Amino acid sequence: MKPFSLGTGMTNMRGVFYPTGHMVLMFPTAEDARRACELLRKDGVSEDALSVASPQEFERQITGATDEDDDMLLPSVGTEADTARRFRMLAHEGHHALIVHANAGMASEHVLDVLKELPISYGQRYRHLVIEDLVEAKR
């Protein structure tokens, strides 16, 4: 697994975090995120497809990609700004991020089944023009 770095194409046209082709999963602890990486590697996911971020680093990168004043902008048809805010809030609360480059053949349900024993706080899969809810934020 490698450290997360906000790459080209991981934001939408408004600059909001939207990493098309990725699953973003949040975990309460670093150990949970590391364990998720181990389980996915054992299941055949390549090391290069897995990135992790500490809460501070993920929040910094997401905040940098998300306009803090985006409520002042025209309303968006999608929910990407709200989803980015939710990720930012969880990172601010100390949750760790696992970002999985998810090729078209990788089924979301299978990934969740592989990780079923772990406490995923929140998860989304970003597809072209749609964000798939994987795990709803626990409140």
Foldseek 3Di string as FASTA:
>chain_A
DEADDDDPCQADPVLAGFHAQKKKWKAQDPVLLVVLVVLVVVVPADPVQKHKYWLVRLLVRRPVSAPPPCVPPDDDPDCRNVVSVVSNVVSVVTIMMMMGRHDPPDDLVVSCVSSVVGDTQFMWHHHVPDIHGNDHHDD
